[in-house]
């Protein structure tokens, strides 16, 4: 087996926070014939490098009623999968990867057993002695996939397990790692954020400035357009200086007001613990976001729209505000012993922003 070379002149740039992508480094010398290892991948990314699986008794039978069968409990392989032995004892005729052989194809698989062939459609390999121990691994694609929530410049390493001088397995301590640069820009709006493929409206709130912005940049004085009788989902993410947060609000409310009279025309949201909940939180950690259903319909809204009738379209710019509450348990801690069990309820509101609401002409 040739020693592979990964092209380390590549870099991954231009992706944005929360944007899902995939990357496969290029190289020569069959660098993906087994699998690659990655080091220092940023949170949110993973590499397809399947886990090593230990063979289980009776390991591998070379003769008797069930010859050529290898046992590996709950292996998860499919017929046609490329595999190789990480280690093997016995099983004469089967080898760990070397200069000329060592990658096999799974055939005749059951839940806990399988046979091996030298080619995709070849006959089962007849190994001449029983296997007494060993481990096996599926060849990975080495594809890196996922999304990164925090903007920045990251450096990670890739190493093909057969990237060394000589034959497999590598001598102890011998390795070669190629390093790559990954640049993640702030999510300013070229794609739908990960986890929001529900056609909802992706909204960011900066908890310092209280500014509200769209993940996909809009245009005009209003942030986006809603039509009367719409039912939409707001996907709300909280950020601080561009870094995603996971504040876990217990209450999240949205209010729409008419600009001139400041009457509340409609509202949405409420408590996360209501039955059913008024909003839900999806994702984990810095990838978390709140999903709030908004129904653009009320008697007050219908009355307000009559004040803006126009042959070209009945619409007006409404004021919108988002308010959230978070409970911090045992906030005072040891600073004030007699208040150890007190909770602190934080209530915060966004700046008001404009949303265009238009009469729906096709509503029943």
Protein backbone atom coordinates (compact mmCIF):
# COMPACT_ATOMS: atom_id res chain seq x y z
CA UNK A 1 0.00 0.00 0.00
CA UNK A 2 1.44 3.34 -1.00
CA UNK A 3 2.01 6.00 1.60
CA UNK A 4 -0.58 8.74 0.95
CA UNK A 5 0.12 12.44 0.77
CA UNK A 6 -2.50 14.99 1.81
CA UNK A 7 -2.41 18.33 0.02
CA UNK A 8 -1.90 20.76 2.91
CA UNK A 9 -2.12 23.88 0.72
CA UNK A 10 -5.92 23.78 0.93
CA UNK A 11 -8.00 25.95 3.25
CA UNK A 12 -11.68 26.30 4.01
CA UNK A 13 -12.88 29.91 3.88
CA UNK A 14 -16.09 31.78 3.26
CA UNK A 15 -18.44 29.69 5.42
CA UNK A 16 -20.60 31.45 7.96
CA UNK A 17 -21.57 30.60 11.51
CA UNK A 18 -24.38 28.02 11.62
CA UNK A 19 -23.99 27.26 7.92
CA UNK A 20 -23.85 23.52 7.27
CA UNK A 21 -21.03 22.39 4.98
CA UNK A 22 -18.88 19.40 4.09
CA UNK A 23 -15.19 19.18 3.18
CA UNK A 24 -12.97 16.40 1.88
CA UNK A 25 -9.28 17.17 1.68
CA UNK A 26 -7.53 16.23 -1.55
CA UNK A 27 -4.43 14.12 -1.78
CA UNK A 28 -2.60 11.40 -3.62
CA UNK A 29 -1.52 7.83 -2.95
CA UNK A 30 -4.99 6.62 -1.90
CA UNK A 31 -5.12 8.64 1.33
CA UNK A 32 -8.70 7.53 2.00
CA UNK A 33 -8.24 3.79 1.45
CA UNK A 34 -8.52 3.26 5.20
CA UNK A 35 -9.59 6.38 7.00
CA UNK A 36 -8.22 9.68 8.27
CA UNK A 37 -7.95 10.99 11.80
CA UNK A 38 -8.69 14.63 12.62
CA UNK A 39 -7.36 16.63 15.56
CA UNK A 40 -8.60 19.95 16.99
CA UNK A 41 -11.79 20.06 14.93
CA UNK A 42 -13.95 22.95 16.20
CA UNK A 43 -17.16 22.11 18.01
CA UNK A 44 -19.95 21.21 15.63
CA UNK A 45 -17.80 19.35 13.08
CA UNK A 46 -17.16 15.63 12.84
CA UNK A 47 -15.17 13.39 10.50
CA UNK A 48 -16.37 10.09 9.09
CA UNK A 49 -13.82 7.80 10.75
CA UNK A 50 -15.74 4.66 11.83
CA UNK A 51 -14.98 3.15 15.22
CA UNK A 52 -12.83 0.06 15.69
CA UNK A 53 -14.93 -3.03 16.51
CA UNK A 54 -13.59 -5.98 18.50
CA UNK A 55 -14.26 -9.48 17.17
CA UNK A 56 -16.25 -11.66 19.54
CA UNK A 57 -16.12 -15.38 20.29
CA UNK A 58 -15.95 -17.63 18.35
CA UNK A 59 -14.10 -14.86 16.41
CA UNK A 60 -13.65 -16.65 13.08
CA UNK A 61 -14.24 -20.26 12.08
CA UNK A 62 -12.11 -21.74 9.30
CA UNK A 63 -13.57 -25.26 9.23
CA UNK A 64 -16.55 -27.27 10.43
CA UNK A 65 -20.22 -26.61 9.80
CA UNK A 66 -19.85 -22.83 9.37
CA UNK A 67 -16.51 -22.14 7.65
CA UNK A 68 -15.21 -18.69 6.72
CA UNK A 69 -17.59 -16.91 9.13
CA UNK A 70 -16.32 -14.05 11.28
CA UNK A 71 -18.18 -13.07 14.46
CA UNK A 72 -18.46 -9.45 15.61
CA UNK A 73 -21.51 -8.72 17.77
CA UNK A 74 -23.78 -5.94 16.44
CA UNK A 75 -21.13 -4.93 13.89
CA UNK A 76 -23.51 -2.74 11.86
CA UNK A 77 -21.81 -3.52 8.54
CA UNK A 78 -23.70 -3.82 5.26
CA UNK A 79 -22.91 -6.15 2.39
CA UNK A 80 -20.39 -4.38 0.15
CA UNK A 81 -18.78 -2.30 2.93
CA UNK A 82 -14.99 -1.99 2.69
CA UNK A 83 -13.29 -3.08 5.91
CA UNK A 84 -9.82 -3.90 7.20
CA UNK A 85 -8.35 -5.60 10.25
CA UNK A 86 -6.84 -3.27 12.83
CA UNK A 87 -5.33 -6.39 14.39
CA UNK A 88 -5.75 -10.14 13.94
CA UNK A 89 -4.43 -13.34 15.52
CA UNK A 90 -4.85 -16.59 13.59
CA UNK A 91 -6.97 -16.59 10.46
CA UNK A 92 -4.14 -17.56 8.09
CA UNK A 93 -4.89 -15.99 4.73
CA UNK A 94 -6.25 -12.77 6.23
CA UNK A 95 -3.88 -9.88 6.90
CA UNK A 96 -3.80 -6.36 8.21
CA UNK A 97 -3.24 -3.81 5.41
CA UNK A 98 0.14 -4.07 3.74
CA UNK A 99 1.78 -3.30 0.44
CA UNK A 100 -0.49 -5.50 -1.64
CA UNK A 101 -3.58 -6.51 0.33
CA UNK A 102 -5.60 -6.01 3.46
CA UNK A 103 -8.82 -4.29 2.43
CA UNK A 104 -11.84 -6.58 2.14
CA UNK A 105 -15.52 -6.44 1.26
CA UNK A 106 -18.32 -7.63 3.56
CA UNK A 107 -20.69 -10.28 2.23
CA UNK A 108 -23.33 -12.66 3.66
CA UNK A 109 -23.77 -10.48 6.72
CA UNK A 110 -26.11 -11.20 9.62
CA UNK A 111 -26.57 -9.13 12.77
CA UNK A 112 -23.46 -10.59 14.43
CA UNK A 113 -21.52 -12.33 11.65
CA UNK A 114 -20.23 -11.83 8.11
CA UNK A 115 -17.88 -13.26 5.51
CA UNK A 116 -15.18 -11.41 3.54
CA UNK A 117 -14.24 -11.28 -0.12
CA UNK A 118 -11.27 -9.76 -1.95
CA UNK A 119 -13.51 -7.95 -4.45
CA UNK A 120 -17.01 -6.49 -4.31
CA UNK A 121 -18.61 -9.50 -6.00
CA UNK A 122 -15.94 -12.09 -5.18
CA UNK A 123 -16.20 -15.43 -3.39
CA UNK A 124 -15.86 -15.72 0.36
CA UNK A 125 -12.23 -15.90 1.45
CA UNK A 126 -11.20 -19.30 2.81
CA UNK A 127 -8.86 -18.63 5.74
CA UNK A 128 -7.08 -21.79 6.84
CA UNK A 129 -6.91 -21.40 10.66
CA UNK A 130 -9.42 -20.16 13.19
CA UNK A 131 -9.18 -16.50 14.29
CA UNK A 132 -8.41 -16.29 18.02
CA UNK A 133 -8.58 -12.51 18.52
CA UNK A 134 -8.73 -9.29 16.57
CA UNK A 135 -10.51 -6.08 15.71
CA UNK A 136 -11.91 -4.70 12.47
CA UNK A 137 -12.84 -1.28 11.14
CA UNK A 138 -14.94 0.00 8.25
CA UNK A 139 -13.06 2.22 5.80
CA UNK A 140 -14.28 5.79 6.31
CA UNK A 141 -14.95 8.45 3.70
CA UNK A 142 -13.00 10.99 5.80
CA UNK A 143 -15.69 13.56 4.94
CA UNK A 144 -15.85 16.43 7.46
CA UNK A 145 -19.38 17.71 7.99
CA UNK A 146 -21.35 19.95 10.35
CA UNK A 147 -21.60 23.62 11.23
CA UNK A 148 -19.61 25.94 13.51
CA UNK A 149 -21.53 28.39 15.67
CA UNK A 150 -18.66 30.68 16.77
CA UNK A 151 -16.90 32.81 14.12
CA UNK A 152 -13.12 32.69 14.03
CA UNK A 153 -10.04 31.15 12.44
CA UNK A 154 -9.37 27.54 13.37
CA UNK A 155 -6.45 25.22 12.61
CA UNK A 156 -7.00 21.47 12.58
CA UNK A 157 -4.89 18.48 11.62
CA UNK A 158 -5.54 15.48 9.37
CA UNK A 159 -3.58 12.25 9.34
CA UNK A 160 -4.25 9.19 7.20
CA UNK A 161 -3.65 6.11 9.33
CA UNK A 162 -1.45 4.74 6.55
CA UNK A 163 0.47 8.01 6.12
CA UNK A 164 4.00 6.92 6.89
CA UNK A 165 7.06 5.45 5.23
CA UNK A 166 6.87 1.69 4.93
CA UNK A 167 4.10 -0.83 5.34
CA UNK A 168 1.10 -0.98 7.60
CA UNK A 169 0.96 -0.92 10.58
CA UNK A 170 3.08 2.14 11.22
CA UNK A 171 6.10 1.92 13.52
CA UNK A 172 5.45 3.16 17.05
CA UNK A 173 5.43 6.94 17.25
CA UNK A 174 5.68 7.47 13.51
CA UNK A 175 3.06 9.81 12.08
CA UNK A 176 2.60 12.67 9.68
CA UNK A 177 -0.06 15.33 10.12
CA UNK A 178 -1.18 17.92 7.57
CA UNK A 179 -2.69 21.13 8.96
CA UNK A 180 -5.57 23.11 7.50
CA UNK A 181 -7.06 26.54 8.14
CA UNK A 182 -10.79 26.94 8.64
CA UNK A 183 -12.26 30.45 8.55
CA UNK A 184 -15.82 30.97 9.85
CA UNK A 185 -17.41 34.38 9.31
CA UNK A 186 -20.15 35.94 11.39
CA UNK A 187 -23.59 34.89 10.22
CA UNK A 188 -24.65 38.01 8.33
CA UNK A 189 -26.99 36.31 6.00
CA UNK A 190 -26.16 34.25 3.01
CA UNK A 191 -27.83 31.03 4.07
CA UNK A 192 -30.48 29.48 6.27
CA UNK A 193 -29.02 28.75 9.69
CA UNK A 194 -28.56 25.12 10.70
CA UNK A 195 -31.72 23.69 12.20
CA UNK A 196 -34.02 26.24 10.59
CA UNK A 197 -35.08 24.54 7.39
CA UNK A 198 -38.72 25.03 8.40
CA UNK A 199 -39.18 28.13 6.21
CA UNK A 200 -39.34 30.19 9.39
CA UNK A 201 -37.89 33.67 9.89
CA UNK A 202 -34.38 33.53 11.38
CA UNK A 203 -33.87 36.40 13.84
CA UNK A 204 -30.79 37.39 15.84
CA UNK A 205 -30.90 39.49 19.03
CA UNK A 206 -27.75 41.11 20.40
CA UNK A 207 -28.19 41.09 24.19
CA UNK A 208 -25.88 44.11 24.61
CA UNK A 209 -27.18 46.51 21.97
CA UNK A 210 -30.68 44.92 21.91
CA UNK A 211 -30.53 45.25 18.13
CA UNK A 212 -32.65 42.81 16.14
CA UNK A 213 -31.40 41.58 12.77
CA UNK A 214 -32.17 38.87 10.27
CA UNK A 215 -29.87 35.93 9.56
CA UNK A 216 -30.59 36.76 5.92
CA UNK A 217 -30.19 40.48 5.39
CA UNK A 218 -33.33 42.28 4.25
CA UNK A 219 -33.78 45.64 2.59
CA UNK A 220 -35.94 48.68 3.18
CA UNK A 221 -37.08 50.34 6.39
CA UNK A 222 -38.87 47.27 7.75
CA UNK A 223 -37.12 44.07 8.71
CA UNK A 224 -39.50 41.70 6.92
CA UNK A 225 -43.05 41.34 5.60
CA UNK A 226 -45.99 39.49 7.16
CA UNK A 227 -49.42 39.12 5.61
CA UNK A 228 -52.66 39.05 7.52
CA UNK A 229 -53.70 35.48 8.44
CA UNK A 230 -50.14 34.19 8.05
CA UNK A 231 -48.92 31.64 10.57
CA UNK A 232 -45.12 31.73 10.71
CA UNK A 233 -42.29 30.51 12.92
CA UNK A 234 -39.77 32.92 14.41
CA UNK A 235 -36.38 31.20 14.96
CA UNK A 236 -34.78 33.49 17.54
CA UNK A 237 -31.08 33.31 18.42
CA UNK A 238 -29.36 35.32 21.13
CA UNK A 239 -25.85 36.66 20.59
CA UNK A 240 -23.30 38.74 22.48
CA UNK A 241 -20.73 40.62 20.41
CA UNK A 242 -21.35 38.15 17.57
CA UNK A 243 -20.94 35.03 19.74
CA UNK A 244 -23.93 32.72 20.02
CA UNK A 245 -25.48 32.29 23.48
CA UNK A 246 -27.80 29.74 25.08
CA UNK A 247 -29.77 31.80 27.64
CA UNK A 248 -32.62 29.29 28.21
CA UNK A 249 -35.47 31.83 28.58
CA UNK A 250 -38.48 30.67 30.58
CA UNK A 251 -40.78 33.20 28.88
CA UNK A 252 -40.54 34.73 25.43
CA UNK A 253 -43.10 37.22 24.16
CA UNK A 254 -43.50 39.12 20.89
CA UNK A 255 -45.82 42.12 20.48
CA UNK A 256 -46.90 44.03 17.37
CA UNK A 257 -48.22 47.60 17.70
CA UNK A 258 -49.68 50.18 15.37
CA UNK A 259 -47.24 53.03 14.98
CA UNK A 260 -49.63 55.94 15.51
CA UNK A 261 -51.73 54.68 18.41
CA UNK A 262 -49.32 52.17 19.96
CA UNK A 263 -52.23 49.77 20.43
CA UNK A 264 -51.11 46.15 20.69
CA UNK A 265 -52.54 44.54 17.58
CA UNK A 266 -51.40 40.98 18.23
CA UNK A 267 -48.93 39.08 20.38
CA UNK A 268 -47.26 35.67 20.41
CA UNK A 269 -45.16 33.50 22.66
CA UNK A 270 -45.54 33.06 26.40
CA UNK A 271 -44.22 30.37 28.72
CA UNK A 272 -41.97 27.45 27.81
CA UNK A 273 -43.58 25.35 30.56
CA UNK A 274 -47.18 25.91 29.44
CA UNK A 275 -49.19 22.90 28.25
CA UNK A 276 -48.74 22.86 25.31
CA UNK A 277 -45.68 25.15 25.41
CA UNK A 278 -46.03 28.62 23.88
CA UNK A 279 -42.53 28.26 22.40
CA UNK A 280 -39.84 25.59 22.27
CA UNK A 281 -36.06 25.65 22.38
CA UNK A 282 -34.23 23.56 19.78
CA UNK A 283 -30.58 22.65 19.44
CA UNK A 284 -27.96 22.52 22.16
CA UNK A 285 -25.30 24.84 23.53
CA UNK A 286 -24.37 27.73 21.29
CA UNK A 287 -26.47 26.20 18.50
CA UNK A 288 -29.70 26.57 20.52
CA UNK A 289 -32.52 28.77 19.25
CA UNK A 290 -36.11 29.45 20.29
CA UNK A 291 -39.00 28.71 17.94
CA UNK A 292 -42.08 30.87 18.43
CA UNK A 293 -45.25 30.40 16.36
CA UNK A 294 -46.87 33.69 15.33
CA UNK A 295 -50.41 33.93 13.95
CA UNK A 296 -50.93 37.24 12.17
CA UNK A 297 -54.64 37.57 12.82
CA UNK A 298 -56.77 39.55 15.26
CA UNK A 299 -59.78 41.87 15.24
CA UNK A 300 -57.50 44.75 16.23
CA UNK A 301 -55.20 44.08 13.27
CA UNK A 302 -58.14 43.87 10.84
CA UNK A 303 -59.43 47.21 12.12
CA UNK A 304 -55.97 48.81 11.87
CA UNK A 305 -55.53 47.70 8.26
CA UNK A 306 -58.69 49.57 7.24
CA UNK A 307 -56.83 52.80 8.10
CA UNK A 308 -54.30 52.12 5.34
CA UNK A 309 -56.46 51.01 2.41
CA UNK A 310 -54.79 51.53 -0.94
CA UNK A 311 -55.48 50.19 -4.41
CA UNK A 312 -51.83 49.23 -4.67
CA UNK A 313 -51.89 47.22 -1.43
CA UNK A 314 -53.26 47.73 2.06
CA UNK A 315 -50.28 47.65 4.41
CA UNK A 316 -48.46 49.57 7.13
CA UNK A 317 -45.24 49.34 9.12
CA UNK A 318 -45.95 47.99 12.60
CA UNK A 319 -43.67 48.28 15.62
CA UNK A 320 -42.45 44.94 16.94
CA UNK A 321 -40.71 44.14 20.22
CA UNK A 322 -39.39 40.89 21.70
CA UNK A 323 -39.22 40.37 25.48
CA UNK A 324 -37.65 37.42 27.29
CA UNK A 325 -37.34 36.31 30.91
CA UNK A 326 -34.71 34.03 32.40
CA UNK A 327 -34.59 32.68 35.93
CA UNK A 328 -31.14 32.30 37.53
CA UNK A 329 -31.35 29.84 40.43
CA UNK A 330 -29.45 30.52 43.67
CA UNK A 331 -28.14 33.71 42.15
CA UNK A 332 -26.75 35.23 45.36
CA UNK A 333 -24.83 32.10 46.37
CA UNK A 334 -22.44 32.55 49.30
CA UNK A 335 -22.30 36.33 48.95
CA UNK A 336 -25.50 36.73 50.97
CA UNK A 337 -25.98 33.53 53.00
CA UNK A 338 -29.50 34.29 54.16
CA UNK A 339 -30.58 34.56 50.52
CA UNK A 340 -28.94 31.37 49.25
CA UNK A 341 -32.18 29.98 47.86
CA UNK A 342 -33.33 33.17 46.15
CA UNK A 343 -33.79 33.20 42.40
CA UNK A 344 -33.18 36.17 40.17
CA UNK A 345 -35.65 36.81 37.35
CA UNK A 346 -34.02 38.70 34.52
CA UNK A 347 -36.41 40.44 32.12
CA UNK A 348 -35.01 41.98 28.95
CA UNK A 349 -36.49 43.48 25.81
CA UNK A 350 -35.19 44.11 22.34
CA UNK A 351 -35.26 47.46 20.64
CA UNK A 352 -38.44 48.05 18.69
CA UNK A 353 -38.15 47.35 14.99
CA UNK A 354 -40.43 47.76 11.99
CA UNK A 355 -42.33 44.92 10.33
CA UNK A 356 -44.55 45.46 7.31
CA UNK A 357 -48.01 43.89 7.68
CA UNK A 358 -50.13 43.63 4.55
CA UNK A 359 -53.74 42.68 3.88
CA UNK A 360 -54.06 39.09 2.69
CA UNK A 361 -56.23 39.12 -0.43
CA UNK A 362 -56.72 35.35 -0.68
CA UNK A 363 -57.65 34.57 2.93
CA UNK A 364 -60.98 32.85 3.47
